[in-house]
Amino acid sequence: MGNIGIWQLLIVAVIIILLFGTKKLRTLGSDLGSSVKGFKKAIASEDDKKSSDTQDINDTIVNKESAESKDKEQV
């Protein structure tokens, strides 16, 4: 009773096409695809920003440690 077969899906698809039309569905699919692409791009840029921030922190720590070791050598 709860299983949906291929024929039921085809009937639903035909009804949706009749209600909205192919042009509207094509536009909707295009908009959805560009939204997903933009979301993935934003996530990737956020990951790059985090890794560059982590690298900046690591560089700061290394520079501070090397400055401290130079100060100790001078004393």
Protein backbone atom coordinates (compact mmCIF):
# COMPACT_ATOMS: atom_id res chain seq x y z
CA MET A 1 0.00 0.00 0.00
CA GLY A 2 2.81 2.44 0.83
CA ASN A 3 4.98 1.53 -2.15
CA ILE A 4 5.06 4.01 -5.01
CA GLY A 5 5.64 2.43 -8.39
CA ILE A 6 7.01 3.83 -11.61
CA TRP A 7 3.51 4.29 -13.04
CA GLN A 8 2.38 6.44 -10.13
CA LEU A 9 5.48 8.61 -10.51
CA LEU A 10 4.84 9.01 -14.24
CA ILE A 11 1.23 10.04 -13.61
CA VAL A 12 2.35 12.63 -11.05
CA ALA A 13 4.99 13.94 -13.48
CA VAL A 14 2.41 14.31 -16.28
CA ILE A 15 0.03 16.16 -13.97
CA ILE A 16 2.82 18.52 -12.86
CA ILE A 17 3.82 19.20 -16.47
CA LEU A 18 0.21 19.92 -17.37
CA LEU A 19 -0.23 22.29 -14.43
CA PHE A 20 3.01 24.28 -14.73
CA GLY A 21 4.13 23.77 -18.31
CA THR A 22 7.57 22.81 -19.54
CA LYS A 23 8.89 26.37 -19.76
CA LYS A 24 8.09 27.11 -16.12
CA LEU A 25 9.63 23.79 -15.02
CA ARG A 26 12.77 24.44 -17.10
CA THR A 27 13.13 27.89 -15.51
CA LEU A 28 12.57 26.41 -12.06
CA GLY A 29 15.23 23.74 -12.68
CA SER A 30 17.69 26.33 -13.95
CA ASP A 31 17.12 28.56 -10.93
CA LEU A 32 17.49 25.62 -8.57
CA GLY A 33 20.75 24.56 -10.25
CA SER A 34 22.25 28.05 -10.05
CA SER A 35 21.22 28.28 -6.39
CA VAL A 36 22.97 25.01 -5.57
CA LYS A 37 26.06 26.14 -7.51
CA GLY A 38 26.14 29.43 -5.60
CA PHE A 39 25.75 27.61 -2.29
CA LYS A 40 28.64 25.26 -3.09
CA LYS A 41 30.80 28.23 -4.12
CA ALA A 42 30.01 30.04 -0.86
CA ILE A 43 30.87 26.95 1.19
CA ALA A 44 34.16 26.51 -0.69
CA SER A 45 35.14 30.16 -0.19
CA GLU A 46 34.27 29.90 3.52
CA ASP A 47 36.54 26.83 3.83
CA ASP A 48 39.34 28.70 2.04
CA LYS A 49 38.88 31.67 4.38
CA LYS A 50 39.07 29.42 7.44
CA SER A 51 42.22 27.70 6.20
CA SER A 52 43.87 31.04 5.40
CA ASP A 53 42.92 32.35 8.85
CA THR A 54 44.42 29.22 10.42
CA GLN A 55 47.58 29.66 8.33
CA ASP A 56 47.83 33.33 9.44
CA ILE A 57 47.55 32.28 13.09
CA ASN A 58 50.19 29.58 12.62
CA ASP A 59 52.53 32.07 10.91
CA THR A 60 52.04 34.52 13.77
CA ILE A 61 52.88 31.85 16.34
CA VAL A 62 55.99 30.76 14.43
CA ASN A 63 57.17 34.36 14.04
CA LYS A 64 56.62 35.03 17.74
CA GLU A 65 58.53 31.88 18.74
CA SER A 66 61.44 32.72 16.44
CA ALA A 67 61.55 36.29 17.81
CA GLU A 68 61.63 34.94 21.37
CA SER A 69 64.44 32.52 20.53
CA LYS A 70 66.46 35.38 18.94
CA ASP A 71 65.95 37.46 22.08
CA LYS A 72 67.22 34.57 24.23
CA GLU A 73 70.29 34.16 22.00
CA GLN A 74 71.14 37.84 22.31
CA VAL A 75 71.06 37.66 26.13
